[in-house]
């Protein structure tokens, strides 16, 4: 399945911004060693799950094949988690902006969403 290169670039930046949002939340909401554990651990865990679980035939190769609906659920949890992290860390404007751009990305990627729901 091929996608528009501009939308793939947008998706890449959304993925990076989501990792930043998770790290930002961990850093701002905790103190001491817990601050480092959350700010480093949560983004690492999220990126590990993001890259590990893939639907066969979708972009990239994952180690563990999952059905398309589960991949969409993982992506939704990832991006919704980033929005929640921004809101919870006192950045509602950034959270809302991120939600709008991520939602727009999925609207532009409707063909991929439908493909994932069928696989």
PDB file of N, CA and C in Angstrom:
ATOM      1  N   UNK A   1       0.838  -1.168   0.000  1.00  0.00           N
ATOM      2  CA  UNK A   1       0.000   0.000   0.000  1.00  0.00           C
ATOM      3  C   UNK A   1       0.887   1.236   0.000  1.00  0.00           C
ATOM      4  N   UNK A   2       0.656   2.142  -0.911  1.00  0.00           N
ATOM      5  CA  UNK A   2       1.468   3.359  -0.966  1.00  0.00           C
ATOM      6  C   UNK A   2       0.647   4.542  -0.466  1.00  0.00           C
ATOM      7  N   UNK A   3       1.351   5.507   0.095  1.00  0.00           N
ATOM      8  CA  UNK A   3       0.706   6.716   0.590  1.00  0.00           C
ATOM      9  C   UNK A   3       1.427   7.927   0.051  1.00  0.00           C
ATOM     10  N   UNK A   4       0.761   9.045   0.128  1.00  0.00           N
ATOM     11  CA  UNK A   4       1.345  10.308  -0.289  1.00  0.00           C
ATOM     12  C   UNK A   4       2.578  10.596   0.561  1.00  0.00           C
ATOM     13  N   UNK A   5       3.714  10.905  -0.088  1.00  0.00           N
ATOM     14  CA  UNK A   5       4.942  11.164   0.681  1.00  0.00           C
ATOM     15  C   UNK A   5       4.793  12.301   1.698  1.00  0.00           C
ATOM     16  N   UNK A   6       4.040  13.340   1.371  1.00  0.00           N
ATOM     17  CA  UNK A   6       3.854  14.447   2.321  1.00  0.00           C
ATOM     18  C   UNK A   6       3.114  13.963   3.567  1.00  0.00           C
ATOM     19  N   UNK A   7       2.142  13.079   3.378  1.00  0.00           N
ATOM     20  CA  UNK A   7       1.395  12.552   4.523  1.00  0.00           C
ATOM     21  C   UNK A   7       2.275  11.610   5.347  1.00  0.00           C
ATOM     22  N   UNK A   8       3.174  10.888   4.691  1.00  0.00           N
ATOM     23  CA  UNK A   8       4.112  10.034   5.424  1.00  0.00           C
ATOM     24  C   UNK A   8       5.077  10.874   6.260  1.00  0.00           C
ATOM     25  N   UNK A   9       5.503  12.006   5.723  1.00  0.00           N
ATOM     26  CA  UNK A   9       6.377  12.908   6.483  1.00  0.00           C
ATOM     27  C   UNK A   9       5.611  13.470   7.683  1.00  0.00           C
ATOM     28  N   UNK A  10       4.359  13.858   7.462  1.00  0.00           N
ATOM     29  CA  UNK A  10       3.524  14.343   8.566  1.00  0.00           C
ATOM     30  C   UNK A  10       3.397  13.271   9.640  1.00  0.00           C
ATOM     31  N   UNK A  11       3.149  12.050   9.227  1.00  0.00           N
ATOM     32  CA  UNK A  11       3.019  10.945  10.176  1.00  0.00           C
ATOM     33  C   UNK A  11       4.311  10.758  10.989  1.00  0.00           C
ATOM     34  N   UNK A  12       5.450  10.846  10.322  1.00  0.00           N
ATOM     35  CA  UNK A  12       6.729  10.713  11.003  1.00  0.00           C
ATOM     36  C   UNK A  12       6.878  11.787  12.082  1.00  0.00           C
ATOM     37  N   UNK A  13       6.554  13.022  11.738  1.00  0.00           N
ATOM     38  CA  UNK A  13       6.663  14.100  12.725  1.00  0.00           C
ATOM     39  C   UNK A  13       5.640  13.938  13.846  1.00  0.00           C
ATOM     40  N   UNK A  14       4.460  13.438  13.536  1.00  0.00           N
ATOM     41  CA  UNK A  14       3.473  13.167  14.584  1.00  0.00           C
ATOM     42  C   UNK A  14       3.988  12.103  15.548  1.00  0.00           C
ATOM     43  N   UNK A  15       4.623  11.083  15.007  1.00  0.00           N
ATOM     44  CA  UNK A  15       5.186  10.030  15.858  1.00  0.00           C
ATOM     45  C   UNK A  15       6.260  10.604  16.783  1.00  0.00           C
ATOM     46  N   UNK A  16       7.139  11.446  16.235  1.00  0.00           N
ATOM     47  CA  UNK A  16       8.180  12.071  17.059  1.00  0.00           C
ATOM     48  C   UNK A  16       7.581  12.998  18.110  1.00  0.00           C
ATOM     49  N   UNK A  17       6.593  13.790  17.718  1.00  0.00           N
ATOM     50  CA  UNK A  17       5.956  14.705  18.668  1.00  0.00           C
ATOM     51  C   UNK A  17       5.224  13.942  19.774  1.00  0.00           C
ATOM     52  N   UNK A  18       4.660  12.798  19.428  1.00  0.00           N
ATOM     53  CA  UNK A  18       3.994  11.980  20.452  1.00  0.00           C
ATOM     54  C   UNK A  18       5.018  11.475  21.468  1.00  0.00           C
ATOM     55  N   UNK A  19       6.171  11.055  20.988  1.00  0.00           N
ATOM     56  CA  UNK A  19       7.228  10.626  21.915  1.00  0.00           C
ATOM     57  C   UNK A  19       7.662  11.785  22.803  1.00  0.00           C
ATOM     58  N   UNK A  20       7.799  12.968  22.202  1.00  0.00           N
ATOM     59  CA  UNK A  20       8.153  14.149  22.989  1.00  0.00           C
ATOM     60  C   UNK A  20       7.089  14.441  24.046  1.00  0.00           C
ATOM     61  N   UNK A  21       5.813  14.346  23.668  1.00  0.00           N
ATOM     62  CA  UNK A  21       4.727  14.619  24.610  1.00  0.00           C
ATOM     63  C   UNK A  21       4.781  13.659  25.796  1.00  0.00           C
ATOM     64  N   UNK A  22       5.053  12.399  25.529  1.00  0.00           N
ATOM     65  CA  UNK A  22       5.141  11.414  26.611  1.00  0.00           C
ATOM     66  C   UNK A  22       6.333  11.711  27.519  1.00  0.00           C
ATOM     67  N   UNK A  23       7.463  12.070  26.908  1.00  0.00           N
ATOM     68  CA  UNK A  23       8.645  12.411  27.705  1.00  0.00           C
ATOM     69  C   UNK A  23       8.411  13.688  28.504  1.00  0.00           C
ATOM     70  N   UNK A  24       7.778  14.669  27.889  1.00  0.00           N
ATOM     71  CA  UNK A  24       7.483  15.932  28.565  1.00  0.00           C
ATOM     72  C   UNK A  24       6.598  15.690  29.781  1.00  0.00           C
ATOM     73  N   UNK A  25       5.578  14.859  29.599  1.00  0.00           N
ATOM     74  CA  UNK A  25       4.695  14.533  30.721  1.00  0.00           C
ATOM     75  C   UNK A  25       5.494  13.873  31.839  1.00  0.00           C
ATOM     76  N   UNK A  26       6.315  12.899  31.502  1.00  0.00           N
ATOM     77  CA  UNK A  26       7.107  12.216  32.512  1.00  0.00           C
ATOM     78  C   UNK A  26       8.025  13.156  33.252  1.00  0.00           C
ATOM     79  N   UNK A  27       8.608  14.108  32.533  1.00  0.00           N
ATOM     80  CA  UNK A  27       9.549  15.047  33.138  1.00  0.00           C
ATOM     81  C   UNK A  27       8.843  16.057  34.037  1.00  0.00           C
ATOM     82  N   UNK A  28       7.693  16.548  33.587  1.00  0.00           N
ATOM     83  CA  UNK A  28       7.018  17.614  34.340  1.00  0.00           C
ATOM     84  C   UNK A  28       6.151  17.096  35.480  1.00  0.00           C
ATOM     85  N   UNK A  29       5.759  15.850  35.445  1.00  0.00           N
ATOM     86  CA  UNK A  29       4.817  15.344  36.445  1.00  0.00           C
ATOM     87  C   UNK A  29       5.472  14.528  37.544  1.00  0.00           C
ATOM     88  N   UNK A  30       6.767  14.345  37.461  1.00  0.00           N
ATOM     89  CA  UNK A  30       7.474  13.549  38.466  1.00  0.00           C
ATOM     90  C   UNK A  30       8.733  14.279  38.919  1.00  0.00           C
ATOM     91  N   UNK A  31       9.306  13.802  40.014  1.00  0.00           N
ATOM     92  CA  UNK A  31      10.520  14.427  40.548  1.00  0.00           C
ATOM     93  C   UNK A  31      11.562  13.349  40.833  1.00  0.00           C
ATOM     94  N   UNK A  32      12.784  13.783  41.035  1.00  0.00           N
ATOM     95  CA  UNK A  32      13.860  12.862  41.398  1.00  0.00           C
ATOM     96  C   UNK A  32      14.143  11.850  40.310  1.00  0.00           C
ATOM     97  N   UNK A  33      14.481  10.641  40.737  1.00  0.00           N
ATOM     98  CA  UNK A  33      14.791   9.577  39.777  1.00  0.00           C
ATOM     99  C   UNK A  33      13.573   9.153  38.970  1.00  0.00           C
ATOM    100  N   UNK A  34      12.388   9.278  39.571  1.00  0.00           N
ATOM    101  CA  UNK A  34      11.165   8.929  38.842  1.00  0.00           C
ATOM    102  C   UNK A  34      11.007   9.798  37.602  1.00  0.00           C
ATOM    103  N   UNK A  35      11.448  11.043  37.688  1.00  0.00           N
ATOM    104  CA  UNK A  35      11.386  11.960  36.540  1.00  0.00           C
ATOM    105  C   UNK A  35      12.150  11.363  35.359  1.00  0.00           C
ATOM    106  N   UNK A  36      13.346  10.873  35.600  1.00  0.00           N
ATOM    107  CA  UNK A  36      14.149  10.291  34.528  1.00  0.00           C
ATOM    108  C   UNK A  36      13.544   8.980  34.032  1.00  0.00           C
ATOM    109  N   UNK A  37      13.059   8.173  34.967  1.00  0.00           N
ATOM    110  CA  UNK A  37      12.474   6.889  34.588  1.00  0.00           C
ATOM    111  C   UNK A  37      11.256   7.084  33.683  1.00  0.00           C
ATOM    112  N   UNK A  38      10.368   7.996  34.057  1.00  0.00           N
ATOM    113  CA  UNK A  38       9.171   8.239  33.249  1.00  0.00           C
ATOM    114  C   UNK A  38       9.507   8.944  31.934  1.00  0.00           C
ATOM    115  N   UNK A  39      10.383   9.947  32.003  1.00  0.00           N
ATOM    116  CA  UNK A  39      10.701  10.726  30.804  1.00  0.00           C
ATOM    117  C   UNK A  39      11.445   9.900  29.758  1.00  0.00           C
ATOM    118  N   UNK A  40      12.186   8.904  30.184  1.00  0.00           N
ATOM    119  CA  UNK A  40      12.885   8.027  29.244  1.00  0.00           C
ATOM    120  C   UNK A  40      12.124   6.733  28.985  1.00  0.00           C
ATOM    121  N   UNK A  41      11.577   6.160  30.049  1.00  0.00           N
ATOM    122  CA  UNK A  41      10.942   4.853  29.944  1.00  0.00           C
ATOM    123  C   UNK A  41       9.651   4.841  29.156  1.00  0.00           C
ATOM    124  N   UNK A  42       8.784   5.821  29.387  1.00  0.00           N
ATOM    125  CA  UNK A  42       7.490   5.831  28.693  1.00  0.00           C
ATOM    126  C   UNK A  42       7.651   5.971  27.180  1.00  0.00           C
ATOM    127  N   UNK A  43       8.461   6.908  26.689  1.00  0.00           N
ATOM    128  CA  UNK A  43       8.664   6.967  25.231  1.00  0.00           C
ATOM    129  C   UNK A  43       9.334   5.713  24.668  1.00  0.00           C
ATOM    130  N   UNK A  44      10.255   5.122  25.416  1.00  0.00           N
ATOM    131  CA  UNK A  44      10.889   3.885  24.939  1.00  0.00           C
ATOM    132  C   UNK A  44       9.877   2.758  24.838  1.00  0.00           C
ATOM    133  N   UNK A  45       9.034   2.621  25.833  1.00  0.00           N
ATOM    134  CA  UNK A  45       7.995   1.591  25.811  1.00  0.00           C
ATOM    135  C   UNK A  45       7.035   1.812  24.645  1.00  0.00           C
ATOM    136  N   UNK A  46       6.620   3.061  24.457  1.00  0.00           N
ATOM    137  CA  UNK A  46       5.692   3.366  23.370  1.00  0.00           C
ATOM    138  C   UNK A  46       6.323   3.095  22.007  1.00  0.00           C
ATOM    139  N   UNK A  47       7.573   3.501  21.817  1.00  0.00           N
ATOM    140  CA  UNK A  47       8.219   3.273  20.523  1.00  0.00           C
ATOM    141  C   UNK A  47       8.484   1.795  20.280  1.00  0.00           C
ATOM    142  N   UNK A  48       8.759   1.072  21.340  1.00  0.00           N
ATOM    143  CA  UNK A  48       8.961  -0.372  21.227  1.00  0.00           C
ATOM    144  C   UNK A  48       7.682  -1.045  20.729  1.00  0.00           C
ATOM    145  N   UNK A  49       6.555  -0.721  21.353  1.00  0.00           N
ATOM    146  CA  UNK A  49       5.271  -1.300  20.930  1.00  0.00           C
ATOM    147  C   UNK A  49       4.922  -0.849  19.511  1.00  0.00           C
ATOM    148  N   UNK A  50       5.200   0.410  19.196  1.00  0.00           N
ATOM    149  CA  UNK A  50       4.888   0.964  17.875  1.00  0.00           C
ATOM    150  C   UNK A  50       5.615   0.193  16.773  1.00  0.00           C
ATOM    151  N   UNK A  51       6.878  -0.100  16.986  1.00  0.00           N
ATOM    152  CA  UNK A  51       7.663  -0.781  15.962  1.00  0.00           C
ATOM    153  C   UNK A  51       7.547  -2.288  15.976  1.00  0.00           C
ATOM    154  N   UNK A  52       7.198  -2.848  17.105  1.00  0.00           N
ATOM    155  CA  UNK A  52       7.145  -4.296  17.256  1.00  0.00           C
ATOM    156  C   UNK A  52       5.883  -4.913  16.659  1.00  0.00           C
ATOM    157  N   UNK A  53       4.767  -4.246  16.820  1.00  0.00           N
ATOM    158  CA  UNK A  53       3.468  -4.793  16.420  1.00  0.00           C
ATOM    159  C   UNK A  53       3.025  -4.176  15.099  1.00  0.00           C
ATOM    160  N   UNK A  54       3.024  -4.966  14.048  1.00  0.00           N
ATOM    161  CA  UNK A  54       2.679  -4.482  12.714  1.00  0.00           C
ATOM    162  C   UNK A  54       1.675  -5.406  12.045  1.00  0.00           C
ATOM    163  N   UNK A  55       0.897  -4.821  11.160  1.00  0.00           N
ATOM    164  CA  UNK A  55      -0.004  -5.604  10.320  1.00  0.00           C
ATOM    165  C   UNK A  55       0.752  -5.989   9.058  1.00  0.00           C
ATOM    166  N   UNK A  56       0.806  -7.285   8.724  1.00  0.00           N
ATOM    167  CA  UNK A  56       1.501  -7.692   7.503  1.00  0.00           C
ATOM    168  C   UNK A  56       0.963  -6.948   6.280  1.00  0.00           C
ATOM    169  N   UNK A  57       1.874  -6.404   5.484  1.00  0.00           N
ATOM    170  CA  UNK A  57       1.498  -5.655   4.295  1.00  0.00           C
ATOM    171  C   UNK A  57       1.425  -4.158   4.522  1.00  0.00           C
ATOM    172  N   UNK A  58       1.443  -3.733   5.782  1.00  0.00           N
ATOM    173  CA  UNK A  58       1.454  -2.304   6.085  1.00  0.00           C
ATOM    174  C   UNK A  58       2.892  -1.820   6.024  1.00  0.00           C
ATOM    175  N   UNK A  59       3.109  -0.539   6.256  1.00  0.00           N
ATOM    176  CA  UNK A  59       4.450   0.038   6.183  1.00  0.00           C
ATOM    177  C   UNK A  59       5.371  -0.621   7.193  1.00  0.00           C
ATOM    178  N   UNK A  60       6.582  -0.859   6.787  1.00  0.00           N
ATOM    179  CA  UNK A  60       7.581  -1.408   7.688  1.00  0.00           C
ATOM    180  C   UNK A  60       7.343  -2.878   7.998  1.00  0.00           C
ATOM    181  N   UNK A  61       8.280  -3.439   8.714  1.00  0.00           N
ATOM    182  CA  UNK A  61       8.166  -4.845   9.109  1.00  0.00           C
ATOM    183  C   UNK A  61       8.185  -4.922  10.617  1.00  0.00           C
ATOM    184  N   UNK A  62       7.202  -5.557  11.168  1.00  0.00           N
ATOM    185  CA  UNK A  62       7.141  -5.748  12.597  1.00  0.00           C
ATOM    186  C   UNK A  62       7.555  -7.159  12.961  1.00  0.00           C
ATOM    187  N   UNK A  63       7.899  -7.345  14.196  1.00  0.00           N
ATOM    188  CA  UNK A  63       8.290  -8.666  14.671  1.00  0.00           C
ATOM    189  C   UNK A  63       7.061  -9.507  14.962  1.00  0.00           C
ATOM    190  N   UNK A  64       6.033  -8.877  15.485  1.00  0.00           N
ATOM    191  CA  UNK A  64       4.810  -9.589  15.846  1.00  0.00           C
ATOM    192  C   UNK A  64       3.677  -9.107  14.943  1.00  0.00           C
ATOM    193  N   UNK A  65       3.150  -9.990  14.090  1.00  0.00           N
ATOM    194  CA  UNK A  65       2.037  -9.586  13.227  1.00  0.00           C
ATOM    195  C   UNK A  65       0.739  -9.476  14.027  1.00  0.00           C
ATOM    196  N   UNK A  66      -0.005  -8.414  13.769  1.00  0.00           N
ATOM    197  CA  UNK A  66      -1.286  -8.195  14.439  1.00  0.00           C
ATOM    198  C   UNK A  66      -2.324  -7.841  13.386  1.00  0.00           C
ATOM    199  N   UNK A  67      -3.597  -8.114  13.677  1.00  0.00           N
ATOM    200  CA  UNK A  67      -4.639  -7.712  12.732  1.00  0.00           C
ATOM    201  C   UNK A  67      -4.717  -6.192  12.617  1.00  0.00           C
ATOM    202  N   UNK A  68      -5.250  -5.735  11.494  1.00  0.00           N
ATOM    203  CA  UNK A  68      -5.323  -4.302  11.237  1.00  0.00           C
ATOM    204  C   UNK A  68      -6.097  -3.530  12.288  1.00  0.00           C
ATOM    205  N   UNK A  69      -7.219  -4.074  12.767  1.00  0.00           N
ATOM    206  CA  UNK A  69      -8.005  -3.356  13.774  1.00  0.00           C
ATOM    207  C   UNK A  69      -7.195  -3.147  15.047  1.00  0.00           C
ATOM    208  N   UNK A  70      -6.353  -4.132  15.394  1.00  0.00           N
ATOM    209  CA  UNK A  70      -5.528  -3.989  16.590  1.00  0.00           C
ATOM    210  C   UNK A  70      -4.441  -2.948  16.363  1.00  0.00           C
ATOM    211  N   UNK A  71      -3.886  -2.908  15.161  1.00  0.00           N
ATOM    212  CA  UNK A  71      -2.884  -1.882  14.854  1.00  0.00           C
ATOM    213  C   UNK A  71      -3.504  -0.487  14.972  1.00  0.00           C
ATOM    214  N   UNK A  72      -4.713  -0.314  14.464  1.00  0.00           N
ATOM    215  CA  UNK A  72      -5.391   0.977  14.594  1.00  0.00           C
ATOM    216  C   UNK A  72      -5.639   1.329  16.058  1.00  0.00           C
ATOM    217  N   UNK A  73      -5.984   0.336  16.845  1.00  0.00           N
ATOM    218  CA  UNK A  73      -6.200   0.559  18.276  1.00  0.00           C
ATOM    219  C   UNK A  73      -4.894   0.986  18.960  1.00  0.00           C
ATOM    220  N   UNK A  74      -3.799   0.365  18.582  1.00  0.00           N
ATOM    221  CA  UNK A  74      -2.485   0.734  19.132  1.00  0.00           C
ATOM    222  C   UNK A  74      -2.138   2.171  18.745  1.00  0.00           C
ATOM    223  N   UNK A  75      -2.353   2.507  17.481  1.00  0.00           N
ATOM    224  CA  UNK A  75      -2.071   3.865  17.032  1.00  0.00           C
ATOM    225  C   UNK A  75      -2.957   4.881  17.748  1.00  0.00           C
ATOM    226  N   UNK A  76      -4.239   4.550  17.914  1.00  0.00           N
ATOM    227  CA  UNK A  76      -5.142   5.462  18.624  1.00  0.00           C
ATOM    228  C   UNK A  76      -4.683   5.659  20.066  1.00  0.00           C
ATOM    229  N   UNK A  77      -4.306   4.577  20.725  1.00  0.00           N
ATOM    230  CA  UNK A  77      -3.827   4.688  22.111  1.00  0.00           C
ATOM    231  C   UNK A  77      -2.571   5.537  22.181  1.00  0.00           C
ATOM    232  N   UNK A  78      -1.700   5.381  21.212  1.00  0.00           N
ATOM    233  CA  UNK A  78      -0.442   6.134  21.163  1.00  0.00           C
ATOM    234  C   UNK A  78      -0.704   7.631  21.028  1.00  0.00           C
ATOM    235  N   UNK A  79      -1.517   7.997  20.044  1.00  0.00           N
ATOM    236  CA  UNK A  79      -1.769   9.409  19.803  1.00  0.00           C
ATOM    237  C   UNK A  79      -2.703  10.022  20.850  1.00  0.00           C
ATOM    238  N   UNK A  80      -3.703   9.291  21.285  1.00  0.00           N
ATOM    239  CA  UNK A  80      -4.579   9.799  22.342  1.00  0.00           C
ATOM    240  C   UNK A  80      -3.790   9.938  23.640  1.00  0.00           C
ATOM    241  N   UNK A  81      -2.882   9.001  23.885  1.00  0.00           N
ATOM    242  CA  UNK A  81      -2.017   9.107  25.063  1.00  0.00           C
ATOM    243  C   UNK A  81      -1.159  10.354  25.011  1.00  0.00           C
ATOM    244  N   UNK A  82      -0.673  10.706  23.830  1.00  0.00           N
ATOM    245  CA  UNK A  82       0.135  11.925  23.684  1.00  0.00           C
ATOM    246  C   UNK A  82      -0.713  13.167  23.935  1.00  0.00           C
ATOM    247  N   UNK A  83      -1.932  13.173  23.430  1.00  0.00           N
ATOM    248  CA  UNK A  83      -2.833  14.307  23.672  1.00  0.00           C
ATOM    249  C   UNK A  83      -3.128  14.423  25.163  1.00  0.00           C
ATOM    250  N   UNK A  84      -3.453  13.304  25.784  1.00  0.00           N
ATOM    251  CA  UNK A  84      -3.721  13.315  27.229  1.00  0.00           C
ATOM    252  C   UNK A  84      -2.501  13.821  27.995  1.00  0.00           C
ATOM    253  N   UNK A  85      -1.316  13.359  27.610  1.00  0.00           N
ATOM    254  CA  UNK A  85      -0.090  13.770  28.301  1.00  0.00           C
ATOM    255  C   UNK A  85       0.092  15.282  28.225  1.00  0.00           C
ATOM    256  N   UNK A  86      -0.164  15.859  27.059  1.00  0.00           N
ATOM    257  CA  UNK A  86      -0.019  17.304  26.923  1.00  0.00           C
ATOM    258  C   UNK A  86      -1.047  18.046  27.775  1.00  0.00           C
ATOM    259  N   UNK A  87      -2.294  17.593  27.744  1.00  0.00           N
ATOM    260  CA  UNK A  87      -3.315  18.231  28.575  1.00  0.00           C
ATOM    261  C   UNK A  87      -2.964  18.101  30.050  1.00  0.00           C
ATOM    262  N   UNK A  88      -2.567  16.916  30.462  1.00  0.00           N
ATOM    263  CA  UNK A  88      -2.263  16.654  31.867  1.00  0.00           C
ATOM    264  C   UNK A  88      -1.038  17.418  32.340  1.00  0.00           C
ATOM    265  N   UNK A  89      -0.121  17.708  31.433  1.00  0.00           N
ATOM    266  CA  UNK A  89       1.099  18.445  31.776  1.00  0.00           C
ATOM    267  C   UNK A  89       0.890  19.956  31.677  1.00  0.00           C
ATOM    268  N   UNK A  90      -0.357  20.382  31.497  1.00  0.00           N
ATOM    269  CA  UNK A  90      -0.645  21.810  31.482  1.00  0.00           C
ATOM    270  C   UNK A  90      -0.448  22.489  30.139  1.00  0.00           C
ATOM    271  N   UNK A  91      -0.504  21.734  29.068  1.00  0.00           N
ATOM    272  CA  UNK A  91      -0.330  22.278  27.718  1.00  0.00           C
ATOM    273  C   UNK A  91      -1.566  21.992  26.857  1.00  0.00           C
ATOM    274  N   UNK A  92      -2.744  22.500  27.252  1.00  0.00           N
ATOM    275  CA  UNK A  92      -3.958  22.168  26.505  1.00  0.00           C
ATOM    276  C   UNK A  92      -3.966  22.671  25.063  1.00  0.00           C
ATOM    277  N   UNK A  93      -3.349  23.808  24.808  1.00  0.00           N
ATOM    278  CA  UNK A  93      -3.314  24.328  23.436  1.00  0.00           C
ATOM    279  C   UNK A  93      -2.498  23.404  22.540  1.00  0.00           C
ATOM    280  N   UNK A  94      -1.347  22.961  23.034  1.00  0.00           N
ATOM    281  CA  UNK A  94      -0.548  22.004  22.261  1.00  0.00           C
ATOM    282  C   UNK A  94      -1.286  20.683  22.099  1.00  0.00           C
ATOM    283  N   UNK A  95      -1.963  20.242  23.154  1.00  0.00           N
ATOM    284  CA  UNK A  95      -2.719  18.998  23.080  1.00  0.00           C
ATOM    285  C   UNK A  95      -3.826  19.065  22.048  1.00  0.00           C
ATOM    286  N   UNK A  96      -4.557  20.175  22.039  1.00  0.00           N
ATOM    287  CA  UNK A  96      -5.630  20.338  21.069  1.00  0.00           C
ATOM    288  C   UNK A  96      -5.075  20.421  19.650  1.00  0.00           C
ATOM    289  N   UNK A  97      -3.991  21.177  19.479  1.00  0.00           N
ATOM    290  CA  UNK A  97      -3.367  21.272  18.157  1.00  0.00           C
ATOM    291  C   UNK A  97      -2.886  19.925  17.659  1.00  0.00           C
ATOM    292  N   UNK A  98      -2.267  19.166  18.552  1.00  0.00           N
ATOM    293  CA  UNK A  98      -1.791  17.835  18.180  1.00  0.00           C
ATOM    294  C   UNK A  98      -2.963  16.947  17.784  1.00  0.00           C
ATOM    295  N   UNK A  99      -4.050  17.000  18.554  1.00  0.00           N
ATOM    296  CA  UNK A  99      -5.234  16.178  18.252  1.00  0.00           C
ATOM    297  C   UNK A  99      -5.813  16.528  16.887  1.00  0.00           C
ATOM    298  N   UNK A 100      -5.863  17.804  16.575  1.00  0.00           N
ATOM    299  CA  UNK A 100      -6.424  18.238  15.287  1.00  0.00           C
ATOM    300  C   UNK A 100      -5.544  17.769  14.134  1.00  0.00           C
ATOM    301  N   UNK A 101      -4.234  17.941  14.274  1.00  0.00           N
ATOM    302  CA  UNK A 101      -3.327  17.537  13.189  1.00  0.00           C
ATOM    303  C   UNK A 101      -3.329  16.010  13.036  1.00  0.00           C
ATOM    304  N   UNK A 102      -3.308  15.280  14.143  1.00  0.00           N
ATOM    305  CA  UNK A 102      -3.337  13.811  14.060  1.00  0.00           C
ATOM    306  C   UNK A 102      -4.654  13.337  13.448  1.00  0.00           C
ATOM    307  N   UNK A 103      -5.762  13.952  13.860  1.00  0.00           N
ATOM    308  CA  UNK A 103      -7.051  13.596  13.266  1.00  0.00           C
ATOM    309  C   UNK A 103      -7.078  13.881  11.778  1.00  0.00           C
ATOM    310  N   UNK A 104      -6.514  15.026  11.380  1.00  0.00           N
ATOM    311  CA  UNK A 104      -6.427  15.354   9.955  1.00  0.00           C
ATOM    312  C   UNK A 104      -5.593  14.346   9.189  1.00  0.00           C
ATOM    313  N   UNK A 105      -4.506  13.904   9.818  1.00  0.00           N
ATOM    314  CA  UNK A 105      -3.675  12.885   9.173  1.00  0.00           C
ATOM    315  C   UNK A 105      -4.485  11.621   8.900  1.00  0.00           C
ATOM    316  N   UNK A 106      -5.271  11.189   9.864  1.00  0.00           N
ATOM    317  CA  UNK A 106      -6.050   9.970   9.662  1.00  0.00           C
ATOM    318  C   UNK A 106      -7.181  10.172   8.658  1.00  0.00           C
ATOM    319  N   UNK A 107      -7.721  11.378   8.583  1.00  0.00           N
ATOM    320  CA  UNK A 107      -8.708  11.655   7.539  1.00  0.00           C
ATOM    321  C   UNK A 107      -8.062  11.572   6.160  1.00  0.00           C
ATOM    322  N   UNK A 108      -6.858  12.114   6.036  1.00  0.00           N
ATOM    323  CA  UNK A 108      -6.146  12.026   4.757  1.00  0.00           C
ATOM    324  C   UNK A 108      -5.711  10.593   4.443  1.00  0.00           C
ATOM    325  N   UNK A 109      -5.574   9.778   5.479  1.00  0.00           N
ATOM    326  CA  UNK A 109      -5.137   8.392   5.313  1.00  0.00           C
ATOM    327  C   UNK A 109      -6.306   7.414   5.357  1.00  0.00           C
ATOM    328  N   UNK A 110      -7.493   7.877   4.962  1.00  0.00           N
ATOM    329  CA  UNK A 110      -8.684   7.032   5.054  1.00  0.00           C
ATOM    330  C   UNK A 110      -8.512   5.710   4.317  1.00  0.00           C
ATOM    331  N   UNK A 111      -7.765   5.720   3.196  1.00  0.00           N
ATOM    332  CA  UNK A 111      -7.563   4.476   2.452  1.00  0.00           C
ATOM    333  C   UNK A 111      -6.765   3.463   3.276  1.00  0.00           C
ATOM    334  N   UNK A 112      -5.763   3.926   4.016  1.00  0.00           N
ATOM    335  CA  UNK A 112      -4.994   3.038   4.887  1.00  0.00           C
ATOM    336  C   UNK A 112      -5.860   2.534   6.040  1.00  0.00           C
ATOM    337  N   UNK A 113      -6.655   3.425   6.623  1.00  0.00           N
ATOM    338  CA  UNK A 113      -7.547   3.034   7.725  1.00  0.00           C
ATOM    339  C   UNK A 113      -8.501   1.947   7.260  1.00  0.00           C
ATOM    340  N   UNK A 114      -9.119   2.144   6.092  1.00  0.00           N
ATOM    341  CA  UNK A 114     -10.038   1.121   5.561  1.00  0.00           C
ATOM    342  C   UNK A 114      -9.309  -0.184   5.269  1.00  0.00           C
ATOM    343  N   UNK A 115      -8.085  -0.074   4.740  1.00  0.00           N
ATOM    344  CA  UNK A 115      -7.290  -1.274   4.456  1.00  0.00           C
ATOM    345  C   UNK A 115      -6.996  -2.029   5.751  1.00  0.00           C
ATOM    346  N   UNK A 116      -6.590  -1.297   6.804  1.00  0.00           N
ATOM    347  CA  UNK A 116      -6.305  -1.943   8.075  1.00  0.00           C
ATOM    348  C   UNK A 116      -7.543  -2.608   8.661  1.00  0.00           C
ATOM    349  N   UNK A 117      -8.681  -2.000   8.512  1.00  0.00           N
ATOM    350  CA  UNK A 117      -9.924  -2.586   9.039  1.00  0.00           C
ATOM    351  C   UNK A 117     -10.307  -3.868   8.289  1.00  0.00           C
ATOM    352  N   UNK A 118      -9.862  -3.991   7.038  1.00  0.00           N
ATOM    353  CA  UNK A 118     -10.158  -5.207   6.259  1.00  0.00           C
ATOM    354  C   UNK A 118      -9.125  -6.303   6.470  1.00  0.00           C
ATOM    355  N   UNK A 119      -7.975  -5.980   7.048  1.00  0.00           N
ATOM    356  CA  UNK A 119      -6.895  -6.973   7.186  1.00  0.00           C
ATOM    357  C   UNK A 119      -6.671  -7.325   8.605  1.00  0.00           C
TER     358      UNK A 119
END
